Amino acid sequence: MVHFEAADVALLREGRGVVTITAAGKENDKPAHIRTTYRIGRNIFEVLEETTPEGQAMVFRHAYTFVRATAP
């Protein structure tokens, strides 16, 4: 599921903003919810992945940060 607010779309068109995607998946061969958050900035791109078994709080899994060597 991808959900965009109107303000988010306007920011994304400017090259910055946050997009959160949630999906059903598996972790350790068991059903789980997966939430991936993308943060987009002028010089940075971040990816955060969190997972949870049914009915529990989200838990950090992976994070990646990419930074431009030079500003656009």
PDB file of N, CA and C in Angstrom:
ATOM      1  N   MET A   1       0.845  -1.163   0.000  1.00  0.00           N
ATOM      2  CA  MET A   1       0.000   0.000   0.000  1.00  0.00           C
ATOM      3  C   MET A   1       0.895   1.233   0.000  1.00  0.00           C
ATOM      4  N   VAL A   2       0.626   2.172  -0.862  1.00  0.00           N
ATOM      5  CA  VAL A   2       1.331   3.442  -0.902  1.00  0.00           C
ATOM      6  C   VAL A   2       0.300   4.542  -0.703  1.00  0.00           C
ATOM      7  N   HIS A   3       0.574   5.441   0.209  1.00  0.00           N
ATOM      8  CA  HIS A   3      -0.360   6.527   0.512  1.00  0.00           C
ATOM      9  C   HIS A   3       0.370   7.854   0.348  1.00  0.00           C
ATOM     10  N   PHE A   4      -0.182   8.745  -0.470  1.00  0.00           N
ATOM     11  CA  PHE A   4       0.402  10.061  -0.683  1.00  0.00           C
ATOM     12  C   PHE A   4      -0.584  11.128  -0.246  1.00  0.00           C
ATOM     13  N   GLU A   5      -0.115  12.065   0.547  1.00  0.00           N
ATOM     14  CA  GLU A   5      -0.881  13.252   0.865  1.00  0.00           C
ATOM     15  C   GLU A   5      -0.573  14.289  -0.215  1.00  0.00           C
ATOM     16  N   ALA A   6      -1.483  15.183  -0.470  1.00  0.00           N
ATOM     17  CA  ALA A   6      -1.271  16.206  -1.498  1.00  0.00           C
ATOM     18  C   ALA A   6       0.008  17.001  -1.234  1.00  0.00           C
ATOM     19  N   ALA A   7       0.258  17.338   0.015  1.00  0.00           N
ATOM     20  CA  ALA A   7       1.468  18.098   0.353  1.00  0.00           C
ATOM     21  C   ALA A   7       2.717  17.282   0.055  1.00  0.00           C
ATOM     22  N   ASP A   8       2.648  15.963   0.285  1.00  0.00           N
ATOM     23  CA  ASP A   8       3.789  15.093  -0.005  1.00  0.00           C
ATOM     24  C   ASP A   8       4.114  15.090  -1.488  1.00  0.00           C
ATOM     25  N   VAL A   9       3.094  15.022  -2.315  1.00  0.00           N
ATOM     26  CA  VAL A   9       3.295  15.002  -3.767  1.00  0.00           C
ATOM     27  C   VAL A   9       3.959  16.291  -4.222  1.00  0.00           C
ATOM     28  N   ALA A  10       3.523  17.422  -3.679  1.00  0.00           N
ATOM     29  CA  ALA A  10       4.126  18.706  -4.042  1.00  0.00           C
ATOM     30  C   ALA A  10       5.608  18.726  -3.658  1.00  0.00           C
ATOM     31  N   LEU A  11       5.939  18.234  -2.471  1.00  0.00           N
ATOM     32  CA  LEU A  11       7.340  18.197  -2.049  1.00  0.00           C
ATOM     33  C   LEU A  11       8.154  17.256  -2.926  1.00  0.00           C
ATOM     34  N   LEU A  12       7.584  16.089  -3.258  1.00  0.00           N
ATOM     35  CA  LEU A  12       8.306  15.135  -4.098  1.00  0.00           C
ATOM     36  C   LEU A  12       8.599  15.724  -5.471  1.00  0.00           C
ATOM     37  N   ARG A  13       7.688  16.516  -5.980  1.00  0.00           N
ATOM     38  CA  ARG A  13       7.936  17.175  -7.265  1.00  0.00           C
ATOM     39  C   ARG A  13       9.096  18.154  -7.173  1.00  0.00           C
ATOM     40  N   GLU A  14       9.341  18.670  -5.959  1.00  0.00           N
ATOM     41  CA  GLU A  14      10.466  19.575  -5.741  1.00  0.00           C
ATOM     42  C   GLU A  14      11.750  18.810  -5.424  1.00  0.00           C
ATOM     43  N   GLY A  15      11.666  17.488  -5.359  1.00  0.00           N
ATOM     44  CA  GLY A  15      12.852  16.677  -5.108  1.00  0.00           C
ATOM     45  C   GLY A  15      13.137  16.394  -3.653  1.00  0.00           C
ATOM     46  N   ARG A  16      12.116  16.484  -2.795  1.00  0.00           N
ATOM     47  CA  ARG A  16      12.295  16.162  -1.381  1.00  0.00           C
ATOM     48  C   ARG A  16      10.981  15.652  -0.826  1.00  0.00           C
ATOM     49  N   GLY A  17      11.044  14.942   0.283  1.00  0.00           N
ATOM     50  CA  GLY A  17       9.840  14.433   0.907  1.00  0.00           C
ATOM     51  C   GLY A  17      10.044  13.047   1.494  1.00  0.00           C
ATOM     52  N   VAL A  18       8.939  12.451   1.949  1.00  0.00           N
ATOM     53  CA  VAL A  18       8.964  11.134   2.574  1.00  0.00           C
ATOM     54  C   VAL A  18       7.880  10.276   1.933  1.00  0.00           C
ATOM     55  N   VAL A  19       8.247   9.049   1.586  1.00  0.00           N
ATOM     56  CA  VAL A  19       7.293   8.071   1.057  1.00  0.00           C
ATOM     57  C   VAL A  19       7.380   6.839   1.953  1.00  0.00           C
ATOM     58  N   THR A  20       6.238   6.359   2.437  1.00  0.00           N
ATOM     59  CA  THR A  20       6.198   5.165   3.269  1.00  0.00           C
ATOM     60  C   THR A  20       5.360   4.102   2.570  1.00  0.00           C
ATOM     61  N   ILE A  21       5.924   2.907   2.469  1.00  0.00           N
ATOM     62  CA  ILE A  21       5.243   1.789   1.824  1.00  0.00           C
ATOM     63  C   ILE A  21       5.107   0.674   2.849  1.00  0.00           C
ATOM     64  N   THR A  22       3.888   0.134   2.989  1.00  0.00           N
ATOM     65  CA  THR A  22       3.671  -1.007   3.877  1.00  0.00           C
ATOM     66  C   THR A  22       3.191  -2.185   3.046  1.00  0.00           C
ATOM     67  N   ALA A  23       3.612  -3.374   3.457  1.00  0.00           N
ATOM     68  CA  ALA A  23       3.252  -4.575   2.708  1.00  0.00           C
ATOM     69  C   ALA A  23       3.265  -5.780   3.628  1.00  0.00           C
ATOM     70  N   ALA A  24       2.596  -6.832   3.199  1.00  0.00           N
ATOM     71  CA  ALA A  24       2.659  -8.111   3.896  1.00  0.00           C
ATOM     72  C   ALA A  24       3.848  -8.877   3.326  1.00  0.00           C
ATOM     73  N   GLY A  25       4.539  -9.596   4.173  1.00  0.00           N
ATOM     74  CA  GLY A  25       5.685 -10.372   3.723  1.00  0.00           C
ATOM     75  C   GLY A  25       6.009 -11.466   4.720  1.00  0.00           C
ATOM     76  N   LYS A  26       7.229 -11.946   4.683  1.00  0.00           N
ATOM     77  CA  LYS A  26       7.667 -12.984   5.610  1.00  0.00           C
ATOM     78  C   LYS A  26       8.986 -12.590   6.240  1.00  0.00           C
ATOM     79  N   GLU A  27       9.142 -12.982   7.498  1.00  0.00           N
ATOM     80  CA  GLU A  27      10.394 -12.827   8.209  1.00  0.00           C
ATOM     81  C   GLU A  27      10.625 -14.121   8.975  1.00  0.00           C
ATOM     82  N   ASN A  28      11.766 -14.740   8.757  1.00  0.00           N
ATOM     83  CA  ASN A  28      12.054 -16.043   9.359  1.00  0.00           C
ATOM     84  C   ASN A  28      10.959 -17.058   9.006  1.00  0.00           C
ATOM     85  N   ASP A  29      10.495 -17.007   7.759  1.00  0.00           N
ATOM     86  CA  ASP A  29       9.458 -17.906   7.232  1.00  0.00           C
ATOM     87  C   ASP A  29       8.120 -17.807   7.964  1.00  0.00           C
ATOM     88  N   LYS A  30       7.871 -16.674   8.630  1.00  0.00           N
ATOM     89  CA  LYS A  30       6.591 -16.438   9.304  1.00  0.00           C
ATOM     90  C   LYS A  30       5.979 -15.163   8.745  1.00  0.00           C
ATOM     91  N   PRO A  31       4.642 -15.067   8.684  1.00  0.00           N
ATOM     92  CA  PRO A  31       3.994 -13.851   8.175  1.00  0.00           C
ATOM     93  C   PRO A  31       4.403 -12.616   8.992  1.00  0.00           C
ATOM     94  N   ALA A  32       4.628 -11.525   8.294  1.00  0.00           N
ATOM     95  CA  ALA A  32       5.039 -10.284   8.962  1.00  0.00           C
ATOM     96  C   ALA A  32       4.568  -9.091   8.136  1.00  0.00           C
ATOM     97  N   HIS A  33       4.506  -7.940   8.789  1.00  0.00           N
ATOM     98  CA  HIS A  33       4.248  -6.677   8.114  1.00  0.00           C
ATOM     99  C   HIS A  33       5.597  -6.005   7.888  1.00  0.00           C
ATOM    100  N   ILE A  34       5.761  -5.391   6.737  1.00  0.00           N
ATOM    101  CA  ILE A  34       7.009  -4.715   6.397  1.00  0.00           C
ATOM    102  C   ILE A  34       6.689  -3.258   6.070  1.00  0.00           C
ATOM    103  N   ARG A  35       7.440  -2.355   6.667  1.00  0.00           N
ATOM    104  CA  ARG A  35       7.272  -0.928   6.381  1.00  0.00           C
ATOM    105  C   ARG A  35       8.614  -0.386   5.904  1.00  0.00           C
ATOM    106  N   THR A  36       8.604   0.197   4.722  1.00  0.00           N
ATOM    107  CA  THR A  36       9.804   0.801   4.154  1.00  0.00           C
ATOM    108  C   THR A  36       9.551   2.290   3.989  1.00  0.00           C
ATOM    109  N   THR A  37      10.437   3.101   4.548  1.00  0.00           N
ATOM    110  CA  THR A  37      10.310   4.555   4.482  1.00  0.00           C
ATOM    111  C   THR A  37      11.471   5.114   3.669  1.00  0.00           C
ATOM    112  N   TYR A  38      11.132   5.911   2.660  1.00  0.00           N
ATOM    113  CA  TYR A  38      12.126   6.570   1.814  1.00  0.00           C
ATOM    114  C   TYR A  38      12.089   8.059   2.132  1.00  0.00           C
ATOM    115  N   ARG A  39      13.235   8.622   2.505  1.00  0.00           N
ATOM    116  CA  ARG A  39      13.345  10.064   2.759  1.00  0.00           C
ATOM    117  C   ARG A  39      14.227  10.639   1.659  1.00  0.00           C
ATOM    118  N   ILE A  40      13.687  11.604   0.963  1.00  0.00           N
ATOM    119  CA  ILE A  40      14.371  12.189  -0.183  1.00  0.00           C
ATOM    120  C   ILE A  40      14.661  13.645   0.113  1.00  0.00           C
ATOM    121  N   GLY A  41      15.904  14.028  -0.004  1.00  0.00           N
ATOM    122  CA  GLY A  41      16.305  15.408   0.222  1.00  0.00           C
ATOM    123  C   GLY A  41      17.141  15.905  -0.942  1.00  0.00           C
ATOM    124  N   ARG A  42      17.544  17.131  -0.850  1.00  0.00           N
ATOM    125  CA  ARG A  42      18.320  17.744  -1.933  1.00  0.00           C
ATOM    126  C   ARG A  42      19.625  16.998  -2.171  1.00  0.00           C
ATOM    127  N   ASN A  43      20.305  16.601  -1.104  1.00  0.00           N
ATOM    128  CA  ASN A  43      21.604  15.939  -1.218  1.00  0.00           C
ATOM    129  C   ASN A  43      21.646  14.558  -0.580  1.00  0.00           C
ATOM    130  N   ILE A  44      20.488  14.042  -0.152  1.00  0.00           N
ATOM    131  CA  ILE A  44      20.493  12.784   0.590  1.00  0.00           C
ATOM    132  C   ILE A  44      19.294  11.916   0.216  1.00  0.00           C
ATOM    133  N   PHE A  45      19.493  10.616   0.273  1.00  0.00           N
ATOM    134  CA  PHE A  45      18.422   9.649   0.053  1.00  0.00           C
ATOM    135  C   PHE A  45      18.581   8.588   1.130  1.00  0.00           C
ATOM    136  N   GLU A  46      17.546   8.379   1.950  1.00  0.00           N
ATOM    137  CA  GLU A  46      17.605   7.414   3.045  1.00  0.00           C
ATOM    138  C   GLU A  46      16.511   6.370   2.883  1.00  0.00           C
ATOM    139  N   VAL A  47      16.840   5.130   3.229  1.00  0.00           N
ATOM    140  CA  VAL A  47      15.888   4.027   3.197  1.00  0.00           C
ATOM    141  C   VAL A  47      15.907   3.377   4.574  1.00  0.00           C
ATOM    142  N   LEU A  48      14.725   3.226   5.176  1.00  0.00           N
ATOM    143  CA  LEU A  48      14.586   2.583   6.481  1.00  0.00           C
ATOM    144  C   LEU A  48      13.598   1.442   6.336  1.00  0.00           C
ATOM    145  N   GLU A  49      13.985   0.238   6.756  1.00  0.00           N
ATOM    146  CA  GLU A  49      13.075  -0.903   6.701  1.00  0.00           C
ATOM    147  C   GLU A  49      12.818  -1.409   8.111  1.00  0.00           C
ATOM    148  N   GLU A  50      11.524  -1.573   8.413  1.00  0.00           N
ATOM    149  CA  GLU A  50      11.085  -2.090   9.711  1.00  0.00           C
ATOM    150  C   GLU A  50      10.130  -3.245   9.463  1.00  0.00           C
ATOM    151  N   THR A  51      10.113  -4.213  10.379  1.00  0.00           N
ATOM    152  CA  THR A  51       9.204  -5.352  10.249  1.00  0.00           C
ATOM    153  C   THR A  51       8.553  -5.644  11.594  1.00  0.00           C
ATOM    154  N   THR A  52       7.470  -6.415  11.531  1.00  0.00           N
ATOM    155  CA  THR A  52       6.803  -6.840  12.757  1.00  0.00           C
ATOM    156  C   THR A  52       5.981  -8.095  12.499  1.00  0.00           C
ATOM    157  N   PRO A  53       5.999  -9.048  13.426  1.00  0.00           N
ATOM    158  CA  PRO A  53       5.038 -10.146  13.360  1.00  0.00           C
ATOM    159  C   PRO A  53       3.644  -9.584  13.662  1.00  0.00           C
ATOM    160  N   GLU A  54       2.623 -10.346  13.370  1.00  0.00           N
ATOM    161  CA  GLU A  54       1.243  -9.909  13.621  1.00  0.00           C
ATOM    162  C   GLU A  54       1.084  -9.406  15.053  1.00  0.00           C
ATOM    163  N   GLY A  55       0.508  -8.198  15.208  1.00  0.00           N
ATOM    164  CA  GLY A  55       0.131  -7.676  16.515  1.00  0.00           C
ATOM    165  C   GLY A  55       1.253  -7.161  17.389  1.00  0.00           C
ATOM    166  N   GLN A  56       2.456  -6.964  16.860  1.00  0.00           N
ATOM    167  CA  GLN A  56       3.556  -6.455  17.667  1.00  0.00           C
ATOM    168  C   GLN A  56       4.058  -5.127  17.095  1.00  0.00           C
ATOM    169  N   ALA A  57       4.900  -4.446  17.851  1.00  0.00           N
ATOM    170  CA  ALA A  57       5.442  -3.157  17.416  1.00  0.00           C
ATOM    171  C   ALA A  57       6.502  -3.355  16.329  1.00  0.00           C
ATOM    172  N   MET A  58       6.645  -2.347  15.463  1.00  0.00           N
ATOM    173  CA  MET A  58       7.645  -2.393  14.400  1.00  0.00           C
ATOM    174  C   MET A  58       9.046  -2.446  14.999  1.00  0.00           C
ATOM    175  N   VAL A  59       9.942  -3.190  14.339  1.00  0.00           N
ATOM    176  CA  VAL A  59      11.319  -3.353  14.789  1.00  0.00           C
ATOM    177  C   VAL A  59      12.257  -2.967  13.644  1.00  0.00           C
ATOM    178  N   PHE A  60      13.295  -2.209  13.952  1.00  0.00           N
ATOM    179  CA  PHE A  60      14.289  -1.800  12.966  1.00  0.00           C
ATOM    180  C   PHE A  60      14.946  -3.018  12.338  1.00  0.00           C
ATOM    181  N   ARG A  61      15.128  -2.987  11.000  1.00  0.00           N
ATOM    182  CA  ARG A  61      15.818  -4.068  10.303  1.00  0.00           C
ATOM    183  C   ARG A  61      17.025  -3.571   9.519  1.00  0.00           C
ATOM    184  N   HIS A  62      16.829  -2.599   8.648  1.00  0.00           N
ATOM    185  CA  HIS A  62      17.920  -2.099   7.816  1.00  0.00           C
ATOM    186  C   HIS A  62      17.757  -0.594   7.623  1.00  0.00           C
ATOM    187  N   ALA A  63      18.882   0.085   7.427  1.00  0.00           N
ATOM    188  CA  ALA A  63      18.851   1.499   7.066  1.00  0.00           C
ATOM    189  C   ALA A  63      20.021   1.772   6.126  1.00  0.00           C
ATOM    190  N   TYR A  64      19.748   2.561   5.111  1.00  0.00           N
ATOM    191  CA  TYR A  64      20.773   2.934   4.143  1.00  0.00           C
ATOM    192  C   TYR A  64      20.705   4.437   3.947  1.00  0.00           C
ATOM    193  N   THR A  65      21.862   5.078   3.846  1.00  0.00           N
ATOM    194  CA  THR A  65      21.928   6.509   3.589  1.00  0.00           C
ATOM    195  C   THR A  65      22.888   6.747   2.432  1.00  0.00           C
ATOM    196  N   PHE A  66      22.403   7.482   1.434  1.00  0.00           N
ATOM    197  CA  PHE A  66      23.210   7.832   0.275  1.00  0.00           C
ATOM    198  C   PHE A  66      23.302   9.356   0.220  1.00  0.00           C
ATOM    199  N   VAL A  67      24.518   9.871   0.119  1.00  0.00           N
ATOM    200  CA  VAL A  67      24.741  11.318   0.084  1.00  0.00           C
ATOM    201  C   VAL A  67      25.482  11.669  -1.206  1.00  0.00           C
ATOM    202  N   ARG A  68      25.030  12.736  -1.864  1.00  0.00           N
ATOM    203  CA  ARG A  68      25.710  13.194  -3.077  1.00  0.00           C
ATOM    204  C   ARG A  68      27.081  13.757  -2.726  1.00  0.00           C
ATOM    205  N   ALA A  69      28.037  13.466  -3.564  1.00  0.00           N
ATOM    206  CA  ALA A  69      29.379  13.985  -3.357  1.00  0.00           C
ATOM    207  C   ALA A  69      29.414  15.497  -3.549  1.00  0.00           C
ATOM    208  N   THR A  70      28.626  15.986  -4.499  1.00  0.00           N
ATOM    209  CA  THR A  70      28.527  17.427  -4.739  1.00  0.00           C
ATOM    210  C   THR A  70      27.062  17.813  -4.871  1.00  0.00           C
ATOM    211  N   ALA A  71      26.741  19.005  -4.455  1.00  0.00           N
ATOM    212  CA  ALA A  71      25.354  19.483  -4.525  1.00  0.00           C
ATOM    213  C   ALA A  71      24.937  19.642  -5.976  1.00  0.00           C
ATOM    214  N   PRO A  72      23.634  19.432  -6.270  1.00  0.00           N
ATOM    215  CA  PRO A  72      23.152  19.580  -7.646  1.00  0.00           C
ATOM    216  C   PRO A  72      23.162  21.040  -8.112  1.00  0.00           C
TER     217      PRO A  72
END
